[in-house]
Structure formats: structure tokens, C-alpha cells
C-alpha atoms as a PDB file:
ATOM      1  CA  MET A   1     -83.485  -7.425  38.656  1.00  0.00           C
ATOM      2  CA  ARG A   2     -81.324 -10.428  39.595  1.00  0.00           C
ATOM      3  CA  VAL A   3     -81.453 -11.572  35.986  1.00  0.00           C
ATOM      4  CA  ILE A   4     -80.312  -8.132  34.806  1.00  0.00           C
ATOM      5  CA  LEU A   5     -77.517  -8.042  37.368  1.00  0.00           C
ATOM      6  CA  GLY A   6     -76.448 -11.525  36.432  1.00  0.00           C
ATOM      7  CA  ILE A   7     -76.349 -10.617  32.750  1.00  0.00           C
ATOM      8  CA  GLY A   8     -74.428  -7.474  33.577  1.00  0.00           C
ATOM      9  CA  GLY A   9     -71.892  -9.421  35.645  1.00  0.00           C
ATOM     10  CA  ALA A  10     -71.428 -11.985  32.907  1.00  0.00           C
ATOM     11  CA  LEU A  11     -70.964  -9.258  30.351  1.00  0.00           C
ATOM     12  CA  LEU A  12     -68.354  -7.575  32.524  1.00  0.00           C
ATOM     13  CA  VAL A  13     -66.412 -10.804  32.894  1.00  0.00           C
ATOM     14  CA  TRP A  14     -66.680 -11.443  29.157  1.00  0.00           C
ATOM     15  CA  LEU A  15     -65.318  -7.939  28.351  1.00  0.00           C
ATOM     16  CA  ALA A  16     -62.576  -8.125  31.003  1.00  0.00           C
ATOM     17  CA  TRP A  17     -61.343 -11.594  30.153  1.00  0.00           C
ATOM     18  CA  PRO A  18     -59.109 -10.654  27.195  1.00  0.00           C
ATOM     19  CA  VAL A  19     -57.446  -7.960  29.324  1.00  0.00           C
ATOM     20  CA  MET A  20     -56.938 -10.345  32.277  1.00  0.00           C
ATOM     21  CA  LYS A  21     -55.632 -13.106  29.981  1.00  0.00           C
ATOM     22  CA  SER A  22     -53.236 -10.663  28.256  1.00  0.00           C
ATOM     23  CA  ALA A  23     -51.867  -9.481  31.575  1.00  0.00           C
ATOM     24  CA  TRP A  24     -51.258 -13.046  32.767  1.00  0.00           C
ATOM     25  CA  GLN A  25     -49.510 -13.935  29.509  1.00  0.00           C
ATOM     26  CA  ALA A  26     -47.417 -10.749  29.540  1.00  0.00           C
ATOM     27  CA  GLN A  27     -46.346 -11.439  33.077  1.00  0.00           C
ATOM     28  CA  GLN A  28     -44.584 -14.612  31.884  1.00  0.00           C
ATOM     29  CA  ALA A  29     -42.102 -12.363  29.996  1.00  0.00           C
ATOM     30  CA  ASP A  30     -41.086 -10.321  33.009  1.00  0.00           C
ATOM     31  CA  THR A  31     -38.050 -12.451  33.933  1.00  0.00           C
ATOM     32  CA  ALA A  32     -36.587 -12.264  30.438  1.00  0.00           C
ATOM     33  CA  THR A  33     -37.277  -8.526  30.140  1.00  0.00           C
ATOM     34  CA  THR A  34     -35.492  -7.903  33.484  1.00  0.00           C
ATOM     35  CA  ALA A  35     -32.554 -10.054  32.439  1.00  0.00           C
ATOM     36  CA  LEU A  36     -32.091  -8.106  29.200  1.00  0.00           C
ATOM     37  CA  ARG A  37     -32.410  -4.767  30.902  1.00  0.00           C
ATOM     38  CA  LEU A  38     -29.765  -5.596  33.493  1.00  0.00           C
ATOM     39  CA  ASN A  39     -27.583  -7.735  31.233  1.00  0.00           C
ATOM     40  CA  TYR A  40     -28.102 -10.834  33.359  1.00  0.00           C
ATOM     41  CA  LYS A  41     -27.287 -14.152  31.884  1.00  0.00           C
ATOM     42  CA  ILE A  42     -30.255 -15.759  30.097  1.00  0.00           C
ATOM     43  CA  SER A  43     -30.628 -18.350  27.406  1.00  0.00           C
ATOM     44  CA  LEU A  44     -31.878 -17.496  23.957  1.00  0.00           C
ATOM     45  CA  ASN A  45     -34.640 -20.069  24.304  1.00  0.00           C
ATOM     46  CA  ALA A  46     -35.916 -18.312  27.435  1.00  0.00           C
ATOM     47  CA  VAL A  47     -36.065 -15.045  25.620  1.00  0.00           C
ATOM     48  CA  LEU A  48     -37.851 -16.613  22.608  1.00  0.00           C
ATOM     49  CA  ASP A  49     -40.350 -18.256  25.034  1.00  0.00           C
ATOM     50  CA  ALA A  50     -40.959 -14.771  26.528  1.00  0.00           C
ATOM     51  CA  ILE A  51     -41.575 -13.345  23.032  1.00  0.00           C
ATOM     52  CA  ASP A  52     -44.095 -16.104  22.342  1.00  0.00           C
ATOM     53  CA  ALA A  53     -45.888 -15.225  25.609  1.00  0.00           C
ATOM     54  CA  LEU A  54     -46.109 -11.636  24.548  1.00  0.00           C
ATOM     55  CA  ASP A  55     -47.312 -12.671  21.123  1.00  0.00           C
ATOM     56  CA  ARG A  56     -50.246 -14.263  22.874  1.00  0.00           C
ATOM     57  CA  ALA A  57     -50.699 -11.236  25.080  1.00  0.00           C
ATOM     58  CA  VAL A  58     -50.791  -8.855  22.137  1.00  0.00           C
ATOM     59  CA  ALA A  59     -53.325 -11.101  20.366  1.00  0.00           C
ATOM     60  CA  SER A  60     -55.539 -11.036  23.430  1.00  0.00           C
ATOM     61  CA  ASP A  61     -55.275  -7.339  24.109  1.00  0.00           C
ATOM     62  CA  PRO A  62     -53.436  -5.325  21.391  1.00  0.00           C
ATOM     63  CA  THR A  63     -52.877  -2.154  23.404  1.00  0.00           C
ATOM     64  CA  ALA A  64     -50.018   0.313  23.120  1.00  0.00           C
ATOM     65  CA  SER A  65     -48.449  -0.997  26.291  1.00  0.00           C
ATOM     66  CA  ARG A  66     -48.383  -4.610  25.016  1.00  0.00           C
ATOM     67  CA  HIS A  67     -46.831  -3.573  21.727  1.00  0.00           C
ATOM     68  CA  LEU A  68     -44.178  -1.495  23.463  1.00  0.00           C
ATOM     69  CA  GLN A  69     -43.487  -4.295  25.931  1.00  0.00           C
ATOM     70  CA  ARG A  70     -42.883  -6.742  23.067  1.00  0.00           C
ATOM     71  CA  SER A  71     -40.700  -4.263  21.219  1.00  0.00           C
ATOM     72  CA  GLU A  72     -38.325  -4.153  24.208  1.00  0.00           C
ATOM     73  CA  LEU A  73     -37.795  -7.861  24.084  1.00  0.00           C
ATOM     74  CA  LEU A  74     -37.434  -8.001  20.327  1.00  0.00           C
ATOM     75  CA  ALA A  75     -34.942  -5.135  20.209  1.00  0.00           C
ATOM     76  CA  GLY A  76     -33.130  -6.463  23.219  1.00  0.00           C
ATOM     77  CA  VAL A  77     -32.552  -9.922  21.796  1.00  0.00           C
ATOM     78  CA  ALA A  78     -31.572  -8.427  18.448  1.00  0.00           C
ATOM     79  CA  LEU A  79     -29.073  -5.898  19.798  1.00  0.00           C
ATOM     80  CA  SER A  80     -27.662  -7.809  22.755  1.00  0.00           C
ATOM     81  CA  PRO A  81     -24.016  -8.861  22.363  1.00  0.00           C
ATOM     82  CA  ASN A  82     -24.836 -12.074  24.301  1.00  0.00           C
ATOM     83  CA  PHE A  83     -26.573 -13.775  21.363  1.00  0.00           C
ATOM     84  CA  ALA A  84     -25.384 -14.510  17.856  1.00  0.00           C
ATOM     85  CA  PRO A  85     -28.390 -14.616  15.502  1.00  0.00           C
ATOM     86  CA  THR A  86     -28.038 -14.752  11.768  1.00  0.00           C
ATOM     87  CA  ASP A  87     -28.278 -11.480   9.965  1.00  0.00           C
ATOM     88  CA  GLN A  88     -31.701 -12.540   8.651  1.00  0.00           C
ATOM     89  CA  GLN A  89     -33.026 -13.406  12.126  1.00  0.00           C
ATOM     90  CA  ARG A  90     -31.662 -10.230  13.613  1.00  0.00           C
ATOM     91  CA  ALA A  91     -33.250  -8.122  10.917  1.00  0.00           C
ATOM     92  CA  GLU A  92     -36.552  -9.918  11.402  1.00  0.00           C
ATOM     93  CA  TRP A  93     -36.557  -9.183  15.123  1.00  0.00           C
ATOM     94  CA  LEU A  94     -35.652  -5.540  14.464  1.00  0.00           C
ATOM     95  CA  MET A  95     -38.430  -5.075  11.898  1.00  0.00           C
ATOM     96  CA  ARG A  96     -40.972  -6.617  14.251  1.00  0.00           C
ATOM     97  CA  ALA A  97     -39.719  -4.278  16.992  1.00  0.00           C
ATOM     98  CA  GLU A  98     -40.029  -1.308  14.651  1.00  0.00           C
ATOM     99  CA  ASN A  99     -43.588  -2.309  13.779  1.00  0.00           C
ATOM    100  CA  ASP A 100     -44.521  -2.708  17.455  1.00  0.00           C
ATOM    101  CA  LEU A 101     -42.992   0.660  18.249  1.00  0.00           C
ATOM    102  CA  GLY A 102     -44.897   2.338  15.435  1.00  0.00           C
ATOM    103  CA  GLN A 103     -48.201   0.904  16.698  1.00  0.00           C
ATOM    104  CA  GLY A 104     -47.480   1.569  20.328  1.00  0.00           C
ATOM    105  CA  LEU A 105     -46.217   5.092  19.894  1.00  0.00           C
ATOM    106  CA  GLY A 106     -49.070   5.910  17.545  1.00  0.00           C
ATOM    107  CA  ASP A 107     -51.495   5.335  20.414  1.00  0.00           C
ATOM    108  CA  ASP A 108     -49.290   6.515  23.257  1.00  0.00           C
ATOM    109  CA  PRO A 109     -46.709   9.048  22.015  1.00  0.00           C
ATOM    110  CA  ALA A 110     -45.483  10.359  25.336  1.00  0.00           C
ATOM    111  CA  ARG A 111     -42.946   7.574  25.766  1.00  0.00           C
ATOM    112  CA  GLY A 112     -39.380   8.887  25.747  1.00  0.00           C
ATOM    113  CA  ILE A 113     -37.789   5.517  26.282  1.00  0.00           C
ATOM    114  CA  ALA A 114     -39.768   3.956  23.436  1.00  0.00           C
ATOM    115  CA  TRP A 115     -38.776   6.784  21.047  1.00  0.00           C
ATOM    116  CA  LEU A 116     -35.151   6.212  21.901  1.00  0.00           C
ATOM    117  CA  ARG A 117     -35.597   2.452  21.269  1.00  0.00           C
ATOM    118  CA  LEU A 118     -37.086   3.231  17.899  1.00  0.00           C
ATOM    119  CA  SER A 119     -34.047   5.383  17.031  1.00  0.00           C
ATOM    120  CA  SER A 120     -31.755   2.517  17.960  1.00  0.00           C
ATOM    121  CA  VAL A 121     -33.770   0.007  16.008  1.00  0.00           C
ATOM    122  CA  ARG A 122     -33.851   2.064  12.848  1.00  0.00           C
ATOM    123  CA  MET A 123     -30.161   2.815  13.101  1.00  0.00           C
ATOM    124  CA  ALA A 124     -29.406  -0.896  13.492  1.00  0.00           C
ATOM    125  CA  LEU A 125     -31.524  -1.654  10.396  1.00  0.00           C
ATOM    126  CA  GLU A 126     -30.455   1.197   8.128  1.00  0.00           C
ATOM    127  CA  GLY A 127     -27.529   3.063   9.682  1.00  0.00           C
ATOM    128  CA  PRO A 128     -27.745   6.742  10.738  1.00  0.00           C
ATOM    129  CA  SER A 129     -30.373   8.631   8.829  1.00  0.00           C
ATOM    130  CA  GLN A 130     -33.127  11.171   9.296  1.00  0.00           C
ATOM    131  CA  ARG A 131     -35.473   8.281   9.933  1.00  0.00           C
ATOM    132  CA  SER A 132     -33.568   7.405  13.046  1.00  0.00           C
ATOM    133  CA  VAL A 133     -32.936  11.084  13.926  1.00  0.00           C
ATOM    134  CA  ALA A 134     -36.663  11.839  14.113  1.00  0.00           C
ATOM    135  CA  PRO A 135     -37.414   9.459  17.036  1.00  0.00           C
ATOM    136  CA  LEU A 136     -34.154  10.508  18.775  1.00  0.00           C
ATOM    137  CA  LEU A 137     -35.405  14.072  18.826  1.00  0.00           C
ATOM    138  CA  MET A 138     -38.853  12.943  19.943  1.00  0.00           C
ATOM    139  CA  SER A 139     -37.174  11.128  22.851  1.00  0.00           C
ATOM    140  CA  ILE A 140     -35.556  14.370  23.917  1.00  0.00           C
ATOM    141  CA  ASP A 141     -38.839  16.272  23.512  1.00  0.00           C
ATOM    142  CA  THR A 142     -40.907  13.794  25.541  1.00  0.00           C
ATOM    143  CA  ALA A 143     -38.344  12.859  28.264  1.00  0.00           C
ATOM    144  CA  PRO A 144     -35.536  15.390  28.227  1.00  0.00           C
ATOM    145  CA  MET A 145     -34.320  14.955  31.762  1.00  0.00           C
ATOM    146  CA  LEU A 146     -34.820  11.252  32.397  1.00  0.00           C
ATOM    147  CA  LEU A 147     -31.507  10.333  33.956  1.00  0.00           C
ATOM    148  CA  PRO A 148     -31.138   6.675  32.714  1.00  0.00           C
ATOM    149  CA  LEU A 149     -31.473   7.908  29.120  1.00  0.00           C
ATOM    150  CA  TRP A 150     -28.662  10.481  29.179  1.00  0.00           C
ATOM    151  CA  GLN A 151     -25.755   8.154  28.211  1.00  0.00           C
ATOM    152  CA  PRO A 152     -27.469   6.074  25.542  1.00  0.00           C
ATOM    153  CA  ARG A 153     -29.008   9.210  24.130  1.00  0.00           C
ATOM    154  CA  LEU A 154     -25.622  10.909  23.896  1.00  0.00           C
ATOM    155  CA  ARG A 155     -24.211   7.772  22.208  1.00  0.00           C
ATOM    156  CA  LEU A 156     -26.967   7.999  19.597  1.00  0.00           C
ATOM    157  CA  ILE A 157     -26.358  11.725  19.124  1.00  0.00           C
ATOM    158  CA  LEU A 158     -22.682  11.008  18.460  1.00  0.00           C
ATOM    159  CA  ASP A 159     -23.591   8.185  16.054  1.00  0.00           C
ATOM    160  CA  HIS A 160     -25.889  10.517  14.108  1.00  0.00           C
ATOM    161  CA  TRP A 161     -23.677  13.618  13.936  1.00  0.00           C
ATOM    162  CA  GLN A 162     -22.976  13.364  10.249  1.00  0.00           C
ATOM    163  CA  VAL A 163     -26.699  13.265   9.300  1.00  0.00           C
ATOM    164  CA  LEU A 164     -27.947  15.996  11.592  1.00  0.00           C
ATOM    165  CA  THR A 165     -28.952  19.283  10.086  1.00  0.00           C
ATOM    166  CA  VAL A 166     -27.519  22.529  11.398  1.00  0.00           C
ATOM    167  CA  ALA A 167     -30.756  23.232  13.294  1.00  0.00           C
ATOM    168  CA  GLN A 168     -30.736  19.707  14.778  1.00  0.00           C
ATOM    169  CA  ARG A 169     -27.145  20.071  15.855  1.00  0.00           C
ATOM    170  CA  GLU A 170     -28.030  23.234  17.695  1.00  0.00           C
ATOM    171  CA  GLN A 171     -31.025  21.492  19.262  1.00  0.00           C
ATOM    172  CA  VAL A 172     -29.061  18.525  20.600  1.00  0.00           C
ATOM    173  CA  GLY A 173     -26.243  20.814  21.652  1.00  0.00           C
ATOM    174  CA  VAL A 174     -28.502  22.700  23.976  1.00  0.00           C
ATOM    175  CA  TYR A 175     -29.681  19.398  25.455  1.00  0.00           C
ATOM    176  CA  VAL A 176     -26.155  18.038  25.967  1.00  0.00           C
ATOM    177  CA  ALA A 177     -24.952  21.268  27.628  1.00  0.00           C
ATOM    178  CA  ARG A 178     -28.004  21.249  29.882  1.00  0.00           C
ATOM    179  CA  THR A 179     -27.438  17.620  30.933  1.00  0.00           C
ATOM    180  CA  TRP A 180     -23.806  18.504  31.710  1.00  0.00           C
ATOM    181  CA  GLN A 181     -24.990  21.314  33.992  1.00  0.00           C
ATOM    182  CA  LEU A 182     -27.464  18.973  35.810  1.00  0.00           C
ATOM    183  CA  SER A 183     -25.098  16.018  36.223  1.00  0.00           C
ATOM    184  CA  ALA A 184     -23.548  15.552  39.626  1.00  0.00           C
ATOM    185  CA  SER A 185     -20.871  13.387  37.934  1.00  0.00           C
ATOM    186  CA  HIS A 186     -19.698  13.621  34.349  1.00  0.00           C
ATOM    187  CA  GLY A 187     -18.238  10.120  34.002  1.00  0.00           C
ATOM    188  CA  TRP A 188     -21.030   9.057  31.677  1.00  0.00           C
ATOM    189  CA  PHE A 189     -19.872  11.676  29.120  1.00  0.00           C
ATOM    190  CA  ALA A 190     -16.461  10.037  29.030  1.00  0.00           C
ATOM    191  CA  ASP A 191     -18.022   6.578  28.849  1.00  0.00           C
ATOM    192  CA  ALA A 192     -19.849   7.635  25.676  1.00  0.00           C
ATOM    193  CA  VAL A 193     -16.612   8.557  23.923  1.00  0.00           C
ATOM    194  CA  LEU A 194     -15.456   5.661  21.711  1.00  0.00           C
ATOM    195  CA  THR A 195     -13.381   7.462  19.086  1.00  0.00           C
ATOM    196  CA  PRO A 196     -11.290  10.677  18.729  1.00  0.00           C
ATOM    197  CA  ILE A 197     -14.224  12.118  16.670  1.00  0.00           C
ATOM    198  CA  ASP A 198     -16.577  11.431  19.559  1.00  0.00           C
ATOM    199  CA  GLU A 199     -14.281  13.293  21.883  1.00  0.00           C
ATOM    200  CA  LEU A 200     -14.140  16.244  19.573  1.00  0.00           C
ATOM    201  CA  PHE A 201     -17.929  16.514  19.381  1.00  0.00           C
ATOM    202  CA  VAL A 202     -18.407  16.102  23.168  1.00  0.00           C
ATOM    203  CA  ARG A 203     -15.888  18.832  23.799  1.00  0.00           C
ATOM    204  CA  TYR A 204     -17.673  21.024  21.267  1.00  0.00           C
ATOM    205  CA  TYR A 205     -21.035  20.473  22.977  1.00  0.00           C
ATOM    206  CA  VAL A 206     -19.720  21.565  26.376  1.00  0.00           C
ATOM    207  CA  ARG A 207     -17.342  24.260  25.115  1.00  0.00           C
ATOM    208  CA  ASN A 208     -19.150  27.020  27.077  1.00  0.00           C
ATOM    209  CA  GLU A 209     -19.335  25.066  30.390  1.00  0.00           C
ATOM    210  CA  ALA A 210     -16.840  26.212  33.010  1.00  0.00           C
ATOM    211  CA  GLY A 211     -14.113  23.645  33.731  1.00  0.00           C
ATOM    212  CA  ALA A 212     -15.658  21.122  31.248  1.00  0.00           C
ATOM    213  CA  GLN A 213     -12.573  20.679  29.110  1.00  0.00           C
ATOM    214  CA  GLU A 214     -10.326  19.983  32.089  1.00  0.00           C
ATOM    215  CA  ASP A 215     -12.931  17.621  33.601  1.00  0.00           C
ATOM    216  CA  LEU A 216     -13.198  15.682  30.350  1.00  0.00           C
ATOM    217  CA  SER A 217      -9.448  15.444  29.987  1.00  0.00           C
ATOM    218  CA  ARG A 218      -9.151  14.007  33.500  1.00  0.00           C
ATOM    219  CA  LEU A 219     -12.019  11.507  33.009  1.00  0.00           C
ATOM    220  CA  LEU A 220     -10.820  10.313  29.635  1.00  0.00           C
ATOM    221  CA  GLY A 221      -7.325  10.045  30.926  1.00  0.00           C
ATOM    222  CA  GLU A 222      -8.536   7.822  33.843  1.00  0.00           C
ATOM    223  CA  ARG A 223     -10.400   5.525  31.413  1.00  0.00           C
ATOM    224  CA  ARG A 224      -7.486   5.232  29.046  1.00  0.00           C
ATOM    225  CA  SER A 225      -5.068   4.391  31.788  1.00  0.00           C
ATOM    226  CA  LYS A 226      -7.358   1.457  32.830  1.00  0.00           C
ATOM    227  CA  SER A 227      -7.866   0.087  29.313  1.00  0.00           C
ATOM    228  CA  PRO A 228      -5.670  -2.941  28.346  1.00  0.00           C
END
């Protein structure tokens, strides 16, 4: 019996070791991930070291979570304004991020943040297209009311307006109007407006909301008065 228990224990350790090793390796990337999320100052070498740690973590335990974790770092370093990679290096990071997102979301599709990241990555690689619209809509379907996603999602909606079908425009219009209704403050709507065309579309989305036009005019006026 002791021999059987000993063999069982050894087998359990052997099976669990890759998972434990992967978790330890992935933990080494936490500082860089947090810095990119919060736009803290961090060196490019520190981010690249974190990506290397996640490469080892994925190799040890290639789960959906590990792939999605690495995609956040790859997309973050590629899209951050704090670094200045060559076009070739930036494209390589984005393609790796897209591949990780494809594998991760294939195994764990209920990830609204990851779908939004995939939309951003594809748009950065190819420009607005139905390939980047599809994950944008999946992000809305899987996490429609996740507050931190409202502003970046609205920005992507505005960036994709010209490639949306009529049905898709109606779909996102319902979402934008609903988030307006649920928002205690509407400043993030004004923050998403970068051009006169953006303003036109945002006003169109909330055209049936009481007081929305006046509120937008006030918010946009405040931001314009503060701009240099």
C-alpha cells in the first residue's frame, strides 16, 4: 500500500510540475503587465524580459490563460506610445499577439477583454475591416456592461464606422445608447471624440437620449477650452 501511495504521490508531483513551473514563470511578468496596464514608466528591456518569462510559461503549460496573458504584453508593447519599435518589430509583436489570442479564445471564448484586444491588434495590423469588427462585436456580446471597456470600445466603434454594415451599426448603436443610460458621468463619451466625424457619430448614437446633445456640447466645450 505504501508503495502504491508513493507511486501515486510521485505521479501527482510529476503531472503538477509543469503547471507549477508555468505559474512561477508567469508570475515574473506581473510587474511589466501592471506597468503597461497603468501606463507606468518601464524600460523596453524589462518588458522583453517579461515576454521571455511568459514564453517559458507557455512552453511549460500552454493553456488559454497563458496565451492570453502573453498576448496582453505583446499587444501592450506594440501599441504603447512609450516605445519606438521598428515597423517590422511592431508587426511581429502584433502577429504573435494575434496568434496567442486566437489560441486562447479558441479554448476560452468568454473573454470580453481579450476579444477587444484582438480587435485592436487586427486594426493595428490591417486597418479597420470586418476581421477586426468581428472580435469587437464578440467583445460586446461576451462583456457588454464591463465598465472599464466602455471608452476603448467606443473608440473602436468610431474607428470602424465606415466598414460596419447597416445591421452592425444598429447593433452597436443600441449598445452605445444603453451605456449612455447606465453611465453616472458621460465624460468618457467626450474623451472618445477625436475628430468632428467622431462627434457626429456619437451625437447620432445618443440622439434619442433626453438631454444628451446639450450634455455632449457642454463636455466637449470644457475639453476644448482646456486644450492648448
